[in-house]
C-alpha atoms as a PDB file:
ATOM      1  CA  UNK A   1      -0.155  -0.040   0.104  1.00  0.00           C
ATOM      2  CA  UNK A   2       2.823   2.465   0.822  1.00  0.00           C
ATOM      3  CA  UNK A   3       4.612   1.769  -2.696  1.00  0.00           C
ATOM      4  CA  UNK A   4       1.025   2.606  -4.342  1.00  0.00           C
ATOM      5  CA  UNK A   5       0.812   5.553  -2.583  1.00  0.00           C
ATOM      6  CA  UNK A   6       4.232   6.630  -3.724  1.00  0.00           C
ATOM      7  CA  UNK A   7       6.329   6.304  -0.732  1.00  0.00           C
ATOM      8  CA  UNK A   8      10.059   5.602  -0.726  1.00  0.00           C
ATOM      9  CA  UNK A   9       9.910   2.124   1.046  1.00  0.00           C
ATOM     10  CA  UNK A  10      12.948   0.422   2.702  1.00  0.00           C
ATOM     11  CA  UNK A  11      12.355  -2.888   4.621  1.00  0.00           C
ATOM     12  CA  UNK A  12      14.533  -4.607   6.818  1.00  0.00           C
ATOM     13  CA  UNK A  13      14.031  -8.691   7.353  1.00  0.00           C
ATOM     14  CA  UNK A  14      15.967 -10.823   9.395  1.00  0.00           C
ATOM     15  CA  UNK A  15      15.267 -14.266   7.837  1.00  0.00           C
ATOM     16  CA  UNK A  16      16.873 -14.982   4.571  1.00  0.00           C
ATOM     17  CA  UNK A  17      13.786 -16.911   3.323  1.00  0.00           C
ATOM     18  CA  UNK A  18      11.384 -14.157   4.091  1.00  0.00           C
ATOM     19  CA  UNK A  19      13.735 -11.559   2.405  1.00  0.00           C
ATOM     20  CA  UNK A  20      13.878 -13.290  -0.683  1.00  0.00           C
ATOM     21  CA  UNK A  21      10.013 -13.564  -0.958  1.00  0.00           C
ATOM     22  CA  UNK A  22      10.083  -9.859  -0.167  1.00  0.00           C
ATOM     23  CA  UNK A  23      12.502  -9.036  -2.909  1.00  0.00           C
ATOM     24  CA  UNK A  24      10.228 -11.356  -5.345  1.00  0.00           C
ATOM     25  CA  UNK A  25       7.192 -10.290  -4.586  1.00  0.00           C
ATOM     26  CA  UNK A  26       8.032  -6.492  -4.206  1.00  0.00           C
ATOM     27  CA  UNK A  27      10.886  -5.879  -6.667  1.00  0.00           C
ATOM     28  CA  UNK A  28      10.681  -1.824  -6.434  1.00  0.00           C
ATOM     29  CA  UNK A  29      11.171  -2.028  -2.450  1.00  0.00           C
ATOM     30  CA  UNK A  30      15.100  -1.623  -1.075  1.00  0.00           C
ATOM     31  CA  UNK A  31      14.888  -4.791   0.859  1.00  0.00           C
ATOM     32  CA  UNK A  32      18.182  -5.136   3.377  1.00  0.00           C
ATOM     33  CA  UNK A  33      18.717  -8.062   5.766  1.00  0.00           C
ATOM     34  CA  UNK A  34      18.475  -6.451   9.136  1.00  0.00           C
ATOM     35  CA  UNK A  35      16.421  -6.504  12.417  1.00  0.00           C
ATOM     36  CA  UNK A  36      14.829  -4.062  14.889  1.00  0.00           C
ATOM     37  CA  UNK A  37      17.779  -4.424  16.877  1.00  0.00           C
ATOM     38  CA  UNK A  38      20.192  -3.612  14.088  1.00  0.00           C
ATOM     39  CA  UNK A  39      18.870  -1.447  11.460  1.00  0.00           C
ATOM     40  CA  UNK A  40      21.314  -1.169   8.423  1.00  0.00           C
ATOM     41  CA  UNK A  41      20.506   2.406   7.962  1.00  0.00           C
ATOM     42  CA  UNK A  42      22.264   5.827   8.814  1.00  0.00           C
ATOM     43  CA  UNK A  43      21.264   7.677  11.670  1.00  0.00           C
ATOM     44  CA  UNK A  44      18.272  10.218  11.391  1.00  0.00           C
ATOM     45  CA  UNK A  45      17.635   8.684   7.624  1.00  0.00           C
ATOM     46  CA  UNK A  46      13.808   7.716   8.029  1.00  0.00           C
ATOM     47  CA  UNK A  47      10.525   9.501   8.677  1.00  0.00           C
ATOM     48  CA  UNK A  48       8.782   6.705   9.814  1.00  0.00           C
ATOM     49  CA  UNK A  49       9.774   3.171  11.031  1.00  0.00           C
ATOM     50  CA  UNK A  50       6.493   0.953  10.388  1.00  0.00           C
ATOM     51  CA  UNK A  51       6.330  -2.316  12.596  1.00  0.00           C
ATOM     52  CA  UNK A  52       3.322  -4.674  11.424  1.00  0.00           C
ATOM     53  CA  UNK A  53       2.536  -7.506  13.757  1.00  0.00           C
ATOM     54  CA  UNK A  54       6.280  -7.820  14.887  1.00  0.00           C
ATOM     55  CA  UNK A  55       6.763  -5.728  17.990  1.00  0.00           C
ATOM     56  CA  UNK A  56       6.091  -8.170  20.245  1.00  0.00           C
ATOM     57  CA  UNK A  57       9.205 -10.177  18.695  1.00  0.00           C
ATOM     58  CA  UNK A  58      11.469  -7.225  19.534  1.00  0.00           C
ATOM     59  CA  UNK A  59      13.896  -6.999  22.328  1.00  0.00           C
ATOM     60  CA  UNK A  60      12.885  -3.373  23.071  1.00  0.00           C
ATOM     61  CA  UNK A  61      15.446  -2.664  25.105  1.00  0.00           C
ATOM     62  CA  UNK A  62      17.834  -2.469  22.181  1.00  0.00           C
ATOM     63  CA  UNK A  63      15.384  -1.897  19.590  1.00  0.00           C
ATOM     64  CA  UNK A  64      13.821   0.998  21.066  1.00  0.00           C
ATOM     65  CA  UNK A  65      17.273   3.156  20.892  1.00  0.00           C
ATOM     66  CA  UNK A  66      17.739   1.429  17.523  1.00  0.00           C
ATOM     67  CA  UNK A  67      14.674   2.928  16.133  1.00  0.00           C
ATOM     68  CA  UNK A  68      15.237   6.089  17.690  1.00  0.00           C
ATOM     69  CA  UNK A  69      18.677   6.318  15.944  1.00  0.00           C
ATOM     70  CA  UNK A  70      17.461   5.921  12.383  1.00  0.00           C
ATOM     71  CA  UNK A  71      14.353   8.303  12.885  1.00  0.00           C
ATOM     72  CA  UNK A  72      14.885  11.722  11.716  1.00  0.00           C
ATOM     73  CA  UNK A  73      13.763  14.561  14.102  1.00  0.00           C
ATOM     74  CA  UNK A  74      10.134  14.713  14.221  1.00  0.00           C
ATOM     75  CA  UNK A  75       9.602  11.041  12.717  1.00  0.00           C
ATOM     76  CA  UNK A  76       7.230   8.443  13.828  1.00  0.00           C
ATOM     77  CA  UNK A  77       6.845   4.936  14.985  1.00  0.00           C
ATOM     78  CA  UNK A  78       3.822   3.106  14.196  1.00  0.00           C
ATOM     79  CA  UNK A  79       2.888  -0.259  15.553  1.00  0.00           C
ATOM     80  CA  UNK A  80       0.468  -1.742  13.006  1.00  0.00           C
ATOM     81  CA  UNK A  81      -1.870  -4.872  13.816  1.00  0.00           C
ATOM     82  CA  UNK A  82      -3.928  -6.893  11.648  1.00  0.00           C
ATOM     83  CA  UNK A  83      -7.573  -7.720  12.523  1.00  0.00           C
ATOM     84  CA  UNK A  84      -9.154 -10.847  11.116  1.00  0.00           C
ATOM     85  CA  UNK A  85     -12.407  -9.806   9.478  1.00  0.00           C
ATOM     86  CA  UNK A  86     -14.564 -12.848  10.336  1.00  0.00           C
ATOM     87  CA  UNK A  87     -17.537 -11.112   8.209  1.00  0.00           C
ATOM     88  CA  UNK A  88     -15.660 -12.500   5.342  1.00  0.00           C
ATOM     89  CA  UNK A  89     -16.656 -16.162   4.732  1.00  0.00           C
ATOM     90  CA  UNK A  90     -13.212 -17.730   4.202  1.00  0.00           C
ATOM     91  CA  UNK A  91     -11.762 -15.692   7.028  1.00  0.00           C
ATOM     92  CA  UNK A  92     -14.806 -16.911   9.458  1.00  0.00           C
ATOM     93  CA  UNK A  93     -13.848 -20.696   8.518  1.00  0.00           C
ATOM     94  CA  UNK A  94     -10.092 -20.170   9.259  1.00  0.00           C
ATOM     95  CA  UNK A  95     -10.967 -18.682  12.408  1.00  0.00           C
ATOM     96  CA  UNK A  96     -13.279 -21.880  13.242  1.00  0.00           C
ATOM     97  CA  UNK A  97     -10.568 -23.976  12.323  1.00  0.00           C
END
């Protein structure tokens, strides 16, 4: 969605298989090997850090300062969570399983 809106997107992914899939499915996105605890970007280089269904995996004592390091002044951290819409039939079935 961010790419479609014209945003410059840089993704950091620690798992090599997921990184390969990310690069395959979104070839225009700059995808780097990295984690919340070791973001491969310079200081104050991004306006926003988004974490989708991931922050519970972070070592926040390390990731917090690392995220702050890469955020530009006035930048934001957004934690996103997907919610299952059980009004959709197949999702309702998945929920039942």
